[in-house]
């Protein structure tokens, strides 16, 4: 099961409920999907079909909304304990 955090500029930012504990976010659009680590720094973990422009757009959004994503991660994972 996944939890959508928000959608922006055609990208869906989400978490999977049962996945590894290291803080990260998945991003989906019609062309593919990417996974980004959020700690210790934002870093591309995996890319499935997205081009450099799409990754650049995603990284800009992550830079603007990283605090919000981290807060949602903490809320979501504290609810499961």
PDB file of N, CA and C in Angstrom:
ATOM      1  N   UNK A   1       0.844  -1.166   0.000  1.00  0.00           N
ATOM      2  CA  UNK A   1       0.000   0.000   0.000  1.00  0.00           C
ATOM      3  C   UNK A   1       0.900   1.243   0.000  1.00  0.00           C
ATOM      4  N   UNK A   2       0.457   2.287  -0.683  1.00  0.00           N
ATOM      5  CA  UNK A   2       1.240   3.514  -0.739  1.00  0.00           C
ATOM      6  C   UNK A   2       0.430   4.689  -0.197  1.00  0.00           C
ATOM      7  N   UNK A   3       1.153   5.694   0.256  1.00  0.00           N
ATOM      8  CA  UNK A   3       0.561   6.912   0.786  1.00  0.00           C
ATOM      9  C   UNK A   3       1.054   8.079  -0.055  1.00  0.00           C
ATOM     10  N   UNK A   4       0.142   8.715  -0.781  1.00  0.00           N
ATOM     11  CA  UNK A   4       0.514   9.891  -1.564  1.00  0.00           C
ATOM     12  C   UNK A   4       0.685  11.080  -0.628  1.00  0.00           C
ATOM     13  N   UNK A   5       1.822  11.743  -0.757  1.00  0.00           N
ATOM     14  CA  UNK A   5       2.112  12.918   0.058  1.00  0.00           C
ATOM     15  C   UNK A   5       1.534  14.149  -0.623  1.00  0.00           C
ATOM     16  N   UNK A   6       1.841  14.302  -1.923  1.00  0.00           N
ATOM     17  CA  UNK A   6       1.287  15.385  -2.723  1.00  0.00           C
ATOM     18  C   UNK A   6       1.559  15.109  -4.190  1.00  0.00           C
ATOM     19  N   UNK A   7       0.912  15.875  -5.033  1.00  0.00           N
ATOM     20  CA  UNK A   7       1.149  15.854  -6.478  1.00  0.00           C
ATOM     21  C   UNK A   7       1.520  17.270  -6.891  1.00  0.00           C
ATOM     22  N   UNK A   8       2.516  17.357  -7.756  1.00  0.00           N
ATOM     23  CA  UNK A   8       2.945  18.672  -8.243  1.00  0.00           C
ATOM     24  C   UNK A   8       3.555  18.517  -9.626  1.00  0.00           C
ATOM     25  N   UNK A   9       3.155  19.397 -10.544  1.00  0.00           N
ATOM     26  CA  UNK A   9       3.709  19.443 -11.904  1.00  0.00           C
ATOM     27  C   UNK A   9       3.696  18.085 -12.596  1.00  0.00           C
ATOM     28  N   UNK A  10       2.665  17.282 -12.350  1.00  0.00           N
ATOM     29  CA  UNK A  10       2.534  15.978 -13.001  1.00  0.00           C
ATOM     30  C   UNK A  10       3.263  14.843 -12.299  1.00  0.00           C
ATOM     31  N   UNK A  11       3.852  15.116 -11.142  1.00  0.00           N
ATOM     32  CA  UNK A  11       4.576  14.102 -10.378  1.00  0.00           C
ATOM     33  C   UNK A  11       3.796  13.754  -9.111  1.00  0.00           C
ATOM     34  N   UNK A  12       3.783  12.483  -8.787  1.00  0.00           N
ATOM     35  CA  UNK A  12       3.179  12.002  -7.545  1.00  0.00           C
ATOM     36  C   UNK A  12       4.309  11.617  -6.597  1.00  0.00           C
ATOM     37  N   UNK A  13       4.314  12.198  -5.416  1.00  0.00           N
ATOM     38  CA  UNK A  13       5.316  11.910  -4.391  1.00  0.00           C
ATOM     39  C   UNK A  13       4.644  11.027  -3.342  1.00  0.00           C
ATOM     40  N   UNK A  14       5.259   9.886  -3.029  1.00  0.00           N
ATOM     41  CA  UNK A  14       4.593   8.939  -2.137  1.00  0.00           C
ATOM     42  C   UNK A  14       5.582   8.054  -1.386  1.00  0.00           C
ATOM     43  N   UNK A  15       5.037   7.397  -0.338  1.00  0.00           N
ATOM     44  CA  UNK A  15       5.762   6.383   0.429  1.00  0.00           C
ATOM     45  C   UNK A  15       5.043   5.057   0.239  1.00  0.00           C
ATOM     46  N   UNK A  16       5.782   3.974   0.387  1.00  0.00           N
ATOM     47  CA  UNK A  16       5.178   2.657   0.541  1.00  0.00           C
ATOM     48  C   UNK A  16       5.084   2.390   2.035  1.00  0.00           C
ATOM     49  N   UNK A  17       4.016   1.742   2.454  1.00  0.00           N
ATOM     50  CA  UNK A  17       3.807   1.507   3.888  1.00  0.00           C
ATOM     51  C   UNK A  17       4.787   0.515   4.483  1.00  0.00           C
ATOM     52  N   UNK A  18       5.126  -0.505   3.759  1.00  0.00           N
ATOM     53  CA  UNK A  18       6.006  -1.542   4.317  1.00  0.00           C
ATOM     54  C   UNK A  18       7.275  -1.625   3.498  1.00  0.00           C
ATOM     55  N   UNK A  19       8.211  -0.800   3.858  1.00  0.00           N
ATOM     56  CA  UNK A  19       9.467  -0.775   3.123  1.00  0.00           C
ATOM     57  C   UNK A  19      10.595  -0.468   4.094  1.00  0.00           C
ATOM     58  N   UNK A  20      11.785  -0.394   3.579  1.00  0.00           N
ATOM     59  CA  UNK A  20      12.966  -0.196   4.410  1.00  0.00           C
ATOM     60  C   UNK A  20      12.862   1.047   5.291  1.00  0.00           C
ATOM     61  N   UNK A  21      13.554   1.044   6.420  1.00  0.00           N
ATOM     62  CA  UNK A  21      13.414   2.142   7.380  1.00  0.00           C
ATOM     63  C   UNK A  21      14.169   3.422   7.031  1.00  0.00           C
ATOM     64  N   UNK A  22      15.157   3.361   6.127  1.00  0.00           N
ATOM     65  CA  UNK A  22      15.883   4.584   5.771  1.00  0.00           C
ATOM     66  C   UNK A  22      14.929   5.558   5.080  1.00  0.00           C
ATOM     67  N   UNK A  23      14.957   6.804   5.512  1.00  0.00           N
ATOM     68  CA  UNK A  23      14.019   7.802   5.015  1.00  0.00           C
ATOM     69  C   UNK A  23      14.212   8.049   3.517  1.00  0.00           C
ATOM     70  N   UNK A  24      13.109   7.897   2.760  1.00  0.00           N
ATOM     71  CA  UNK A  24      13.156   8.079   1.314  1.00  0.00           C
ATOM     72  C   UNK A  24      11.764   8.384   0.790  1.00  0.00           C
ATOM     73  N   UNK A  25      11.697   8.792  -0.462  1.00  0.00           N
ATOM     74  CA  UNK A  25      10.426   9.087  -1.109  1.00  0.00           C
ATOM     75  C   UNK A  25      10.476   8.535  -2.537  1.00  0.00           C
ATOM     76  N   UNK A  26       9.334   8.073  -3.006  1.00  0.00           N
ATOM     77  CA  UNK A  26       9.183   7.629  -4.388  1.00  0.00           C
ATOM     78  C   UNK A  26       8.465   8.730  -5.162  1.00  0.00           C
ATOM     79  N   UNK A  27       8.802   8.854  -6.445  1.00  0.00           N
ATOM     80  CA  UNK A  27       8.180   9.861  -7.298  1.00  0.00           C
ATOM     81  C   UNK A  27       7.797   9.179  -8.603  1.00  0.00           C
ATOM     82  N   UNK A  28       6.538   9.373  -9.019  1.00  0.00           N
ATOM     83  CA  UNK A  28       6.028   8.725 -10.222  1.00  0.00           C
ATOM     84  C   UNK A  28       5.464   9.764 -11.176  1.00  0.00           C
ATOM     85  N   UNK A  29       5.681   9.535 -12.461  1.00  0.00           N
ATOM     86  CA  UNK A  29       4.972  10.267 -13.509  1.00  0.00           C
ATOM     87  C   UNK A  29       4.744   9.270 -14.645  1.00  0.00           C
ATOM     88  N   UNK A  30       4.081   9.679 -15.692  1.00  0.00           N
ATOM     89  CA  UNK A  30       3.746   8.773 -16.777  1.00  0.00           C
ATOM     90  C   UNK A  30       4.932   8.124 -17.467  1.00  0.00           C
ATOM     91  N   UNK A  31       6.105   8.725 -17.371  1.00  0.00           N
ATOM     92  CA  UNK A  31       7.287   8.188 -18.050  1.00  0.00           C
ATOM     93  C   UNK A  31       8.111   7.231 -17.200  1.00  0.00           C
ATOM     94  N   UNK A  32       7.856   7.196 -15.895  1.00  0.00           N
ATOM     95  CA  UNK A  32       8.649   6.315 -15.056  1.00  0.00           C
ATOM     96  C   UNK A  32       8.553   6.682 -13.593  1.00  0.00           C
ATOM     97  N   UNK A  33       9.548   6.215 -12.851  1.00  0.00           N
ATOM     98  CA  UNK A  33       9.543   6.390 -11.408  1.00  0.00           C
ATOM     99  C   UNK A  33      10.979   6.546 -10.917  1.00  0.00           C
ATOM    100  N   UNK A  34      11.112   7.262  -9.798  1.00  0.00           N
ATOM    101  CA  UNK A  34      12.425   7.420  -9.161  1.00  0.00           C
ATOM    102  C   UNK A  34      12.252   7.277  -7.660  1.00  0.00           C
ATOM    103  N   UNK A  35      13.350   6.956  -7.003  1.00  0.00           N
ATOM    104  CA  UNK A  35      13.389   6.868  -5.548  1.00  0.00           C
ATOM    105  C   UNK A  35      14.545   7.740  -5.077  1.00  0.00           C
ATOM    106  N   UNK A  36      14.275   8.556  -4.056  1.00  0.00           N
ATOM    107  CA  UNK A  36      15.295   9.451  -3.500  1.00  0.00           C
ATOM    108  C   UNK A  36      15.467   9.201  -2.015  1.00  0.00           C
ATOM    109  N   UNK A  37      16.718   9.064  -1.592  1.00  0.00           N
ATOM    110  CA  UNK A  37      17.034   9.084  -0.165  1.00  0.00           C
ATOM    111  C   UNK A  37      16.854  10.515   0.311  1.00  0.00           C
ATOM    112  N   UNK A  38      16.392  10.687   1.530  1.00  0.00           N
ATOM    113  CA  UNK A  38      16.211  12.021   2.103  1.00  0.00           C
ATOM    114  C   UNK A  38      17.261  12.348   3.154  1.00  0.00           C
ATOM    115  N   UNK A  39      17.952  11.339   3.652  1.00  0.00           N
ATOM    116  CA  UNK A  39      18.981  11.536   4.665  1.00  0.00           C
ATOM    117  C   UNK A  39      20.188  10.680   4.333  1.00  0.00           C
ATOM    118  N   UNK A  40      21.377  11.068   4.618  1.00  0.00           N
ATOM    119  CA  UNK A  40      21.712  12.340   5.264  1.00  0.00           C
ATOM    120  C   UNK A  40      21.546  13.532   4.323  1.00  0.00           C
ATOM    121  N   UNK A  41      21.574  13.294   3.010  1.00  0.00           N
ATOM    122  CA  UNK A  41      21.312  14.332   2.014  1.00  0.00           C
ATOM    123  C   UNK A  41      20.361  13.760   0.979  1.00  0.00           C
ATOM    124  N   UNK A  42      19.699  14.634   0.242  1.00  0.00           N
ATOM    125  CA  UNK A  42      18.842  14.173  -0.841  1.00  0.00           C
ATOM    126  C   UNK A  42      19.720  13.589  -1.939  1.00  0.00           C
ATOM    127  N   UNK A  43      19.418  12.347  -2.315  1.00  0.00           N
ATOM    128  CA  UNK A  43      20.252  11.640  -3.289  1.00  0.00           C
ATOM    129  C   UNK A  43      19.398  10.658  -4.086  1.00  0.00           C
ATOM    130  N   UNK A  44      19.592  10.625  -5.383  1.00  0.00           N
ATOM    131  CA  UNK A  44      18.879   9.679  -6.228  1.00  0.00           C
ATOM    132  C   UNK A  44      19.319   8.262  -5.876  1.00  0.00           C
ATOM    133  N   UNK A  45      18.352   7.414  -5.525  1.00  0.00           N
ATOM    134  CA  UNK A  45      18.636   6.018  -5.177  1.00  0.00           C
ATOM    135  C   UNK A  45      18.375   5.094  -6.355  1.00  0.00           C
ATOM    136  N   UNK A  46      17.342   5.403  -7.156  1.00  0.00           N
ATOM    137  CA  UNK A  46      16.992   4.558  -8.300  1.00  0.00           C
ATOM    138  C   UNK A  46      16.197   5.384  -9.300  1.00  0.00           C
ATOM    139  N   UNK A  47      16.379   5.060 -10.568  1.00  0.00           N
ATOM    140  CA  UNK A  47      15.656   5.738 -11.640  1.00  0.00           C
ATOM    141  C   UNK A  47      15.167   4.694 -12.627  1.00  0.00           C
ATOM    142  N   UNK A  48      13.881   4.704 -12.888  1.00  0.00           N
ATOM    143  CA  UNK A  48      13.272   3.764 -13.819  1.00  0.00           C
ATOM    144  C   UNK A  48      12.575   4.536 -14.932  1.00  0.00           C
ATOM    145  N   UNK A  49      13.368   4.994 -15.909  1.00  0.00           N
ATOM    146  CA  UNK A  49      12.800   5.581 -17.116  1.00  0.00           C
ATOM    147  C   UNK A  49      12.688   7.088 -17.192  1.00  0.00           C
ATOM    148  N   UNK A  50      13.053   7.815 -16.165  1.00  0.00           N
ATOM    149  CA  UNK A  50      12.931   9.270 -16.207  1.00  0.00           C
ATOM    150  C   UNK A  50      14.176   9.894 -16.829  1.00  0.00           C
ATOM    151  N   UNK A  51      13.958  10.953 -17.607  1.00  0.00           N
ATOM    152  CA  UNK A  51      15.100  11.618 -18.245  1.00  0.00           C
ATOM    153  C   UNK A  51      15.686  12.682 -17.319  1.00  0.00           C
ATOM    154  N   UNK A  52      16.791  13.273 -17.746  1.00  0.00           N
ATOM    155  CA  UNK A  52      17.513  14.240 -16.916  1.00  0.00           C
ATOM    156  C   UNK A  52      16.656  15.450 -16.559  1.00  0.00           C
ATOM    157  N   UNK A  53      15.831  15.944 -17.487  1.00  0.00           N
ATOM    158  CA  UNK A  53      14.966  17.090 -17.194  1.00  0.00           C
ATOM    159  C   UNK A  53      13.948  16.733 -16.126  1.00  0.00           C
ATOM    160  N   UNK A  54      13.347  15.560 -16.232  1.00  0.00           N
ATOM    161  CA  UNK A  54      12.377  15.139 -15.223  1.00  0.00           C
ATOM    162  C   UNK A  54      13.043  15.009 -13.848  1.00  0.00           C
ATOM    163  N   UNK A  55      14.219  14.418 -13.815  1.00  0.00           N
ATOM    164  CA  UNK A  55      14.940  14.296 -12.550  1.00  0.00           C
ATOM    165  C   UNK A  55      15.288  15.671 -11.982  1.00  0.00           C
ATOM    166  N   UNK A  56      15.658  16.595 -12.848  1.00  0.00           N
ATOM    167  CA  UNK A  56      15.959  17.955 -12.410  1.00  0.00           C
ATOM    168  C   UNK A  56      14.716  18.633 -11.836  1.00  0.00           C
ATOM    169  N   UNK A  57      13.570  18.455 -12.504  1.00  0.00           N
ATOM    170  CA  UNK A  57      12.304  19.007 -11.997  1.00  0.00           C
ATOM    171  C   UNK A  57      11.973  18.429 -10.620  1.00  0.00           C
ATOM    172  N   UNK A  58      12.120  17.121 -10.482  1.00  0.00           N
ATOM    173  CA  UNK A  58      11.835  16.447  -9.214  1.00  0.00           C
ATOM    174  C   UNK A  58      12.765  16.968  -8.118  1.00  0.00           C
ATOM    175  N   UNK A  59      14.037  17.106  -8.441  1.00  0.00           N
ATOM    176  CA  UNK A  59      15.009  17.573  -7.447  1.00  0.00           C
ATOM    177  C   UNK A  59      14.713  19.001  -7.008  1.00  0.00           C
ATOM    178  N   UNK A  60      14.225  19.826  -7.918  1.00  0.00           N
ATOM    179  CA  UNK A  60      13.820  21.193  -7.551  1.00  0.00           C
ATOM    180  C   UNK A  60      12.658  21.142  -6.564  1.00  0.00           C
ATOM    181  N   UNK A  61      11.651  20.318  -6.860  1.00  0.00           N
ATOM    182  CA  UNK A  61      10.495  20.185  -5.972  1.00  0.00           C
ATOM    183  C   UNK A  61      10.928  19.627  -4.616  1.00  0.00           C
ATOM    184  N   UNK A  62      11.795  18.616  -4.636  1.00  0.00           N
ATOM    185  CA  UNK A  62      12.292  18.061  -3.373  1.00  0.00           C
ATOM    186  C   UNK A  62      13.003  19.123  -2.550  1.00  0.00           C
ATOM    187  N   UNK A  63      13.778  19.964  -3.193  1.00  0.00           N
ATOM    188  CA  UNK A  63      14.462  21.037  -2.482  1.00  0.00           C
ATOM    189  C   UNK A  63      13.494  22.014  -1.844  1.00  0.00           C
ATOM    190  N   UNK A  64      12.401  22.288  -2.534  1.00  0.00           N
ATOM    191  CA  UNK A  64      11.409  23.239  -2.033  1.00  0.00           C
ATOM    192  C   UNK A  64      10.539  22.653  -0.931  1.00  0.00           C
ATOM    193  N   UNK A  65      10.313  21.323  -0.971  1.00  0.00           N
ATOM    194  CA  UNK A  65       9.322  20.730  -0.067  1.00  0.00           C
ATOM    195  C   UNK A  65       9.883  19.616   0.818  1.00  0.00           C
ATOM    196  N   UNK A  66      11.199  19.550   0.926  1.00  0.00           N
ATOM    197  CA  UNK A  66      11.826  18.466   1.690  1.00  0.00           C
ATOM    198  C   UNK A  66      11.358  18.439   3.139  1.00  0.00           C
ATOM    199  N   UNK A  67      11.266  19.579   3.786  1.00  0.00           N
ATOM    200  CA  UNK A  67      10.825  19.616   5.183  1.00  0.00           C
ATOM    201  C   UNK A  67       9.432  19.015   5.339  1.00  0.00           C
ATOM    202  N   UNK A  68       8.544  19.335   4.408  1.00  0.00           N
ATOM    203  CA  UNK A  68       7.191  18.790   4.434  1.00  0.00           C
ATOM    204  C   UNK A  68       7.210  17.265   4.272  1.00  0.00           C
ATOM    205  N   UNK A  69       8.028  16.774   3.352  1.00  0.00           N
ATOM    206  CA  UNK A  69       8.120  15.332   3.114  1.00  0.00           C
ATOM    207  C   UNK A  69       8.660  14.625   4.355  1.00  0.00           C
ATOM    208  N   UNK A  70       9.691  15.175   4.967  1.00  0.00           N
ATOM    209  CA  UNK A  70      10.270  14.572   6.166  1.00  0.00           C
ATOM    210  C   UNK A  70       9.248  14.550   7.305  1.00  0.00           C
ATOM    211  N   UNK A  71       8.515  15.619   7.466  1.00  0.00           N
ATOM    212  CA  UNK A  71       7.485  15.666   8.506  1.00  0.00           C
ATOM    213  C   UNK A  71       6.420  14.594   8.266  1.00  0.00           C
ATOM    214  N   UNK A  72       6.002  14.452   7.022  1.00  0.00           N
ATOM    215  CA  UNK A  72       5.005  13.415   6.700  1.00  0.00           C
ATOM    216  C   UNK A  72       5.572  12.020   6.938  1.00  0.00           C
ATOM    217  N   UNK A  73       6.853  11.806   6.617  1.00  0.00           N
ATOM    218  CA  UNK A  73       7.502  10.509   6.881  1.00  0.00           C
ATOM    219  C   UNK A  73       7.427  10.187   8.377  1.00  0.00           C
ATOM    220  N   UNK A  74       7.814  11.167   9.192  1.00  0.00           N
ATOM    221  CA  UNK A  74       7.826  10.954  10.637  1.00  0.00           C
ATOM    222  C   UNK A  74       6.426  10.666  11.162  1.00  0.00           C
ATOM    223  N   UNK A  75       5.432  11.394  10.675  1.00  0.00           N
ATOM    224  CA  UNK A  75       4.045  11.157  11.085  1.00  0.00           C
ATOM    225  C   UNK A  75       3.594   9.757  10.671  1.00  0.00           C
ATOM    226  N   UNK A  76       3.858   9.404   9.444  1.00  0.00           N
ATOM    227  CA  UNK A  76       3.417   8.116   8.908  1.00  0.00           C
ATOM    228  C   UNK A  76       4.074   6.951   9.646  1.00  0.00           C
ATOM    229  N   UNK A  77       5.342   7.064   9.907  1.00  0.00           N
ATOM    230  CA  UNK A  77       6.044   5.950  10.546  1.00  0.00           C
ATOM    231  C   UNK A  77       5.842   5.912  12.064  1.00  0.00           C
ATOM    232  N   UNK A  78       5.520   7.022  12.678  1.00  0.00           N
ATOM    233  CA  UNK A  78       5.192   6.983  14.116  1.00  0.00           C
ATOM    234  C   UNK A  78       3.815   6.369  14.331  1.00  0.00           C
ATOM    235  N   UNK A  79       2.921   6.498  13.345  1.00  0.00           N
ATOM    236  CA  UNK A  79       1.576   5.907  13.435  1.00  0.00           C
ATOM    237  C   UNK A  79       1.626   4.384  13.414  1.00  0.00           C
ATOM    238  N   UNK A  80       2.683   3.820  12.839  1.00  0.00           N
ATOM    239  CA  UNK A  80       2.777   2.360  12.687  1.00  0.00           C
ATOM    240  C   UNK A  80       3.342   1.681  13.927  1.00  0.00           C
ATOM    241  N   UNK A  81       3.849   2.442  14.886  1.00  0.00           N
ATOM    242  CA  UNK A  81       4.474   1.861  16.084  1.00  0.00           C
ATOM    243  C   UNK A  81       3.468   1.541  17.159  1.00  0.00           C
TER     244      UNK A  81
END
